[in-house]
């Protein structure tokens, strides 16, 4: 899932990419408390932010947190429309 953020002049300010969660990341699985069976059953419920780029010329205070908050509000539905299932809250 890709999100490009543009300004009012249609210039790209930043890019965010989200993908499927990595199959096995021991520290993540330990924090969540998953065993192998739970991980296999629930892995599709999480996403991985694979790219987070704010272009070097962009100087907008709080842009990253603002855009991330907007993405959090819509990624579940966007993901469901594209892949047929939604990540968990």
N, C-alpha and C. Protein backbone atom coordinates (compact mmCIF):
# COMPACT_ATOMS: atom_id res chain seq x y z
N UNK A 1 0.85 -1.15 0.00
CA UNK A 1 0.00 0.00 0.00
C UNK A 1 0.91 1.23 0.00
N UNK A 2 0.69 2.12 -0.94
CA UNK A 2 1.53 3.30 -1.06
C UNK A 2 0.70 4.56 -0.88
N UNK A 3 1.26 5.49 -0.13
CA UNK A 3 0.65 6.80 0.04
C UNK A 3 1.66 7.86 -0.35
N UNK A 4 1.30 8.70 -1.30
CA UNK A 4 2.11 9.85 -1.67
C UNK A 4 1.39 11.08 -1.16
N UNK A 5 2.12 11.95 -0.52
CA UNK A 5 1.54 13.19 -0.01
C UNK A 5 2.05 14.33 -0.88
N UNK A 6 1.13 15.10 -1.38
CA UNK A 6 1.48 16.22 -2.27
C UNK A 6 1.01 17.53 -1.66
N UNK A 7 1.67 18.60 -2.05
CA UNK A 7 1.24 19.92 -1.61
C UNK A 7 0.22 20.49 -2.60
N UNK A 8 -0.23 21.70 -2.36
CA UNK A 8 -1.26 22.29 -3.22
C UNK A 8 -0.77 22.56 -4.64
N UNK A 9 0.53 22.49 -4.85
CA UNK A 9 1.11 22.67 -6.19
C UNK A 9 1.41 21.33 -6.85
N UNK A 10 0.92 20.25 -6.25
CA UNK A 10 1.07 18.88 -6.73
C UNK A 10 2.51 18.36 -6.64
N UNK A 11 3.34 18.97 -5.80
CA UNK A 11 4.69 18.47 -5.58
C UNK A 11 4.64 17.40 -4.50
N UNK A 12 5.38 16.31 -4.73
CA UNK A 12 5.42 15.24 -3.73
C UNK A 12 6.22 15.71 -2.52
N UNK A 13 5.64 15.56 -1.34
CA UNK A 13 6.30 15.92 -0.08
C UNK A 13 6.90 14.71 0.61
N UNK A 14 6.12 13.62 0.60
CA UNK A 14 6.59 12.43 1.29
C UNK A 14 5.90 11.19 0.73
N UNK A 15 6.49 10.05 1.07
CA UNK A 15 6.00 8.77 0.59
C UNK A 15 6.00 7.78 1.76
N UNK A 16 4.95 7.01 1.85
CA UNK A 16 4.84 5.97 2.86
C UNK A 16 4.44 4.68 2.16
N UNK A 17 5.13 3.60 2.45
CA UNK A 17 4.79 2.29 1.90
C UNK A 17 4.54 1.32 3.05
N UNK A 18 3.50 0.55 2.91
CA UNK A 18 3.16 -0.47 3.90
C UNK A 18 3.04 -1.80 3.17
N UNK A 19 3.52 -2.84 3.79
CA UNK A 19 3.46 -4.17 3.20
C UNK A 19 3.07 -5.21 4.23
N UNK A 20 3.09 -6.43 3.79
CA UNK A 20 2.79 -7.53 4.71
C UNK A 20 3.84 -7.58 5.81
N UNK A 21 3.42 -8.02 6.94
CA UNK A 21 4.34 -8.15 8.07
C UNK A 21 5.37 -9.23 7.77
N UNK A 22 6.56 -9.03 8.28
CA UNK A 22 7.61 -10.04 8.14
C UNK A 22 7.15 -11.34 8.79
N UNK A 23 7.49 -12.43 8.18
CA UNK A 23 7.01 -13.73 8.63
C UNK A 23 7.40 -14.05 10.07
N UNK A 24 8.63 -13.80 10.43
CA UNK A 24 9.07 -14.13 11.79
C UNK A 24 10.10 -13.11 12.25
N UNK A 25 9.72 -12.37 13.27
CA UNK A 25 10.64 -11.45 13.94
C UNK A 25 10.52 -11.75 15.43
N UNK A 26 11.53 -12.41 15.93
CA UNK A 26 11.47 -12.91 17.31
C UNK A 26 11.13 -11.82 18.34
N UNK A 27 11.78 -10.63 18.32
CA UNK A 27 11.43 -9.62 19.32
C UNK A 27 9.97 -9.17 19.22
N UNK A 28 9.47 -8.99 17.99
CA UNK A 28 8.05 -8.61 17.82
C UNK A 28 7.15 -9.68 18.39
N UNK A 29 7.41 -10.93 18.02
CA UNK A 29 6.57 -12.03 18.48
C UNK A 29 6.61 -12.17 20.00
N UNK A 30 7.77 -11.91 20.60
CA UNK A 30 7.87 -11.97 22.06
C UNK A 30 7.06 -10.86 22.72
N UNK A 31 7.15 -9.64 22.17
CA UNK A 31 6.39 -8.51 22.74
C UNK A 31 4.89 -8.77 22.64
N UNK A 32 4.45 -9.27 21.47
CA UNK A 32 3.04 -9.56 21.28
C UNK A 32 2.62 -10.75 22.13
N UNK A 33 3.56 -11.67 22.34
CA UNK A 33 3.26 -12.86 23.13
C UNK A 33 2.78 -14.03 22.28
N UNK A 34 3.11 -14.00 20.99
CA UNK A 34 2.68 -15.06 20.09
C UNK A 34 3.58 -16.29 20.19
N UNK A 35 2.95 -17.45 20.16
CA UNK A 35 3.70 -18.67 19.90
C UNK A 35 3.62 -18.92 18.39
N UNK A 36 4.23 -19.98 17.90
CA UNK A 36 4.27 -20.22 16.46
C UNK A 36 2.87 -20.31 15.84
N UNK A 37 2.00 -21.06 16.50
CA UNK A 37 0.64 -21.26 15.99
C UNK A 37 -0.13 -19.93 15.94
N UNK A 38 -0.01 -19.12 16.99
CA UNK A 38 -0.71 -17.83 17.02
C UNK A 38 -0.16 -16.89 15.95
N UNK A 39 1.16 -16.91 15.77
CA UNK A 39 1.76 -16.05 14.74
C UNK A 39 1.22 -16.39 13.36
N UNK A 40 1.18 -17.67 13.03
CA UNK A 40 0.68 -18.08 11.72
C UNK A 40 -0.79 -17.71 11.53
N UNK A 41 -1.56 -17.77 12.60
CA UNK A 41 -2.98 -17.44 12.51
C UNK A 41 -3.24 -15.94 12.43
N UNK A 42 -2.34 -15.14 12.99
CA UNK A 42 -2.61 -13.70 13.11
C UNK A 42 -1.72 -12.79 12.29
N UNK A 43 -0.76 -13.32 11.60
CA UNK A 43 0.21 -12.49 10.88
C UNK A 43 -0.46 -11.57 9.87
N UNK A 44 -1.52 -12.01 9.24
CA UNK A 44 -2.19 -11.17 8.25
C UNK A 44 -2.91 -9.97 8.87
N UNK A 45 -2.98 -9.92 10.18
CA UNK A 45 -3.67 -8.83 10.86
C UNK A 45 -2.78 -7.63 11.15
N UNK A 46 -1.49 -7.72 10.79
CA UNK A 46 -0.60 -6.60 11.02
C UNK A 46 0.10 -6.22 9.72
N UNK A 47 0.55 -4.97 9.66
CA UNK A 47 1.27 -4.49 8.48
C UNK A 47 2.66 -4.03 8.90
N UNK A 48 3.48 -3.80 7.90
CA UNK A 48 4.83 -3.35 8.14
C UNK A 48 5.05 -2.06 7.35
N UNK A 49 5.48 -1.01 8.02
CA UNK A 49 5.81 0.24 7.34
C UNK A 49 7.20 0.05 6.74
N UNK A 50 7.24 -0.20 5.42
CA UNK A 50 8.51 -0.53 4.78
C UNK A 50 9.28 0.68 4.30
N UNK A 51 8.60 1.78 4.04
CA UNK A 51 9.27 3.02 3.62
C UNK A 51 8.58 4.21 4.24
N UNK A 52 9.39 5.15 4.67
CA UNK A 52 8.90 6.39 5.29
C UNK A 52 9.89 7.46 4.85
N UNK A 53 9.53 8.21 3.83
CA UNK A 53 10.46 9.18 3.27
C UNK A 53 9.82 10.55 3.20
N UNK A 54 10.45 11.50 3.84
CA UNK A 54 10.11 12.91 3.66
C UNK A 54 11.26 13.50 2.86
N UNK A 55 10.93 14.05 1.71
CA UNK A 55 11.98 14.55 0.83
C UNK A 55 12.80 15.64 1.52
N UNK A 56 14.09 15.69 1.22
CA UNK A 56 15.01 16.58 1.94
C UNK A 56 14.65 18.06 1.87
N UNK A 57 14.01 18.50 0.81
CA UNK A 57 13.68 19.92 0.68
C UNK A 57 12.44 20.32 1.47
N UNK A 58 11.71 19.36 2.00
CA UNK A 58 10.46 19.63 2.71
C UNK A 58 10.76 20.06 4.14
N UNK A 59 10.25 21.22 4.53
CA UNK A 59 10.43 21.75 5.88
C UNK A 59 9.06 22.12 6.45
N UNK A 60 8.31 21.11 6.82
CA UNK A 60 6.97 21.31 7.37
C UNK A 60 6.96 20.69 8.77
N UNK A 61 6.77 21.53 9.76
CA UNK A 61 6.76 21.03 11.14
C UNK A 61 5.63 20.04 11.35
N UNK A 62 5.95 18.97 12.03
CA UNK A 62 4.98 17.93 12.42
C UNK A 62 4.34 17.21 11.23
N UNK A 63 4.94 17.31 10.06
CA UNK A 63 4.37 16.65 8.88
C UNK A 63 4.26 15.14 9.08
N UNK A 64 5.30 14.53 9.57
CA UNK A 64 5.30 13.06 9.72
C UNK A 64 4.18 12.60 10.64
N UNK A 65 4.04 13.18 11.80
CA UNK A 65 3.01 12.73 12.73
C UNK A 65 1.61 13.04 12.19
N UNK A 66 1.48 14.15 11.50
CA UNK A 66 0.18 14.50 10.92
C UNK A 66 -0.23 13.48 9.85
N UNK A 67 0.69 13.19 8.94
CA UNK A 67 0.38 12.25 7.86
C UNK A 67 0.16 10.85 8.41
N UNK A 68 0.97 10.42 9.35
CA UNK A 68 0.77 9.10 9.94
C UNK A 68 -0.60 8.98 10.61
N UNK A 69 -1.05 10.04 11.26
CA UNK A 69 -2.37 10.00 11.89
C UNK A 69 -3.47 9.88 10.84
N UNK A 70 -3.30 10.53 9.69
CA UNK A 70 -4.27 10.40 8.60
C UNK A 70 -4.26 8.98 8.02
N UNK A 71 -3.09 8.41 7.87
CA UNK A 71 -2.98 7.06 7.32
C UNK A 71 -3.62 6.05 8.27
N UNK A 72 -3.39 6.21 9.57
CA UNK A 72 -3.97 5.29 10.55
C UNK A 72 -5.49 5.26 10.42
N UNK A 73 -6.09 6.39 10.11
CA UNK A 73 -7.55 6.46 9.98
C UNK A 73 -8.08 5.76 8.74
N UNK A 74 -7.25 5.57 7.72
CA UNK A 74 -7.78 5.01 6.48
C UNK A 74 -7.15 3.71 6.01
N UNK A 75 -6.03 3.30 6.57
CA UNK A 75 -5.34 2.13 6.02
C UNK A 75 -6.15 0.84 6.15
N UNK A 76 -6.91 0.69 7.20
CA UNK A 76 -7.68 -0.54 7.36
C UNK A 76 -8.64 -0.74 6.19
N UNK A 77 -9.36 0.32 5.82
CA UNK A 77 -10.31 0.21 4.71
C UNK A 77 -9.58 0.08 3.37
N UNK A 78 -8.52 0.85 3.16
CA UNK A 78 -7.74 0.74 1.92
C UNK A 78 -7.20 -0.67 1.76
N UNK A 79 -6.68 -1.24 2.85
CA UNK A 79 -6.12 -2.58 2.83
C UNK A 79 -7.21 -3.61 2.51
N UNK A 80 -8.37 -3.43 3.14
CA UNK A 80 -9.48 -4.36 2.90
C UNK A 80 -9.91 -4.32 1.44
N UNK A 81 -10.00 -3.13 0.86
CA UNK A 81 -10.41 -3.02 -0.54
C UNK A 81 -9.39 -3.66 -1.48
N UNK A 82 -8.12 -3.54 -1.16
CA UNK A 82 -7.07 -4.08 -2.04
C UNK A 82 -6.82 -5.57 -1.83
N UNK A 83 -6.82 -6.03 -0.56
CA UNK A 83 -6.41 -7.40 -0.26
C UNK A 83 -7.53 -8.30 0.27
N UNK A 84 -8.69 -7.73 0.54
CA UNK A 84 -9.81 -8.55 0.99
C UNK A 84 -9.87 -8.84 2.48
N UNK A 85 -8.98 -8.28 3.25
CA UNK A 85 -9.02 -8.41 4.71
C UNK A 85 -8.37 -7.15 5.30
N UNK A 86 -8.71 -6.88 6.56
CA UNK A 86 -8.19 -5.67 7.20
C UNK A 86 -7.22 -6.01 8.31
N UNK A 87 -6.19 -5.17 8.49
CA UNK A 87 -5.34 -5.32 9.67
C UNK A 87 -6.16 -5.01 10.93
N UNK A 88 -5.74 -5.55 12.05
CA UNK A 88 -6.43 -5.27 13.32
C UNK A 88 -6.09 -3.87 13.80
N UNK A 89 -6.89 -3.40 14.72
CA UNK A 89 -6.63 -2.10 15.34
C UNK A 89 -5.47 -2.21 16.28
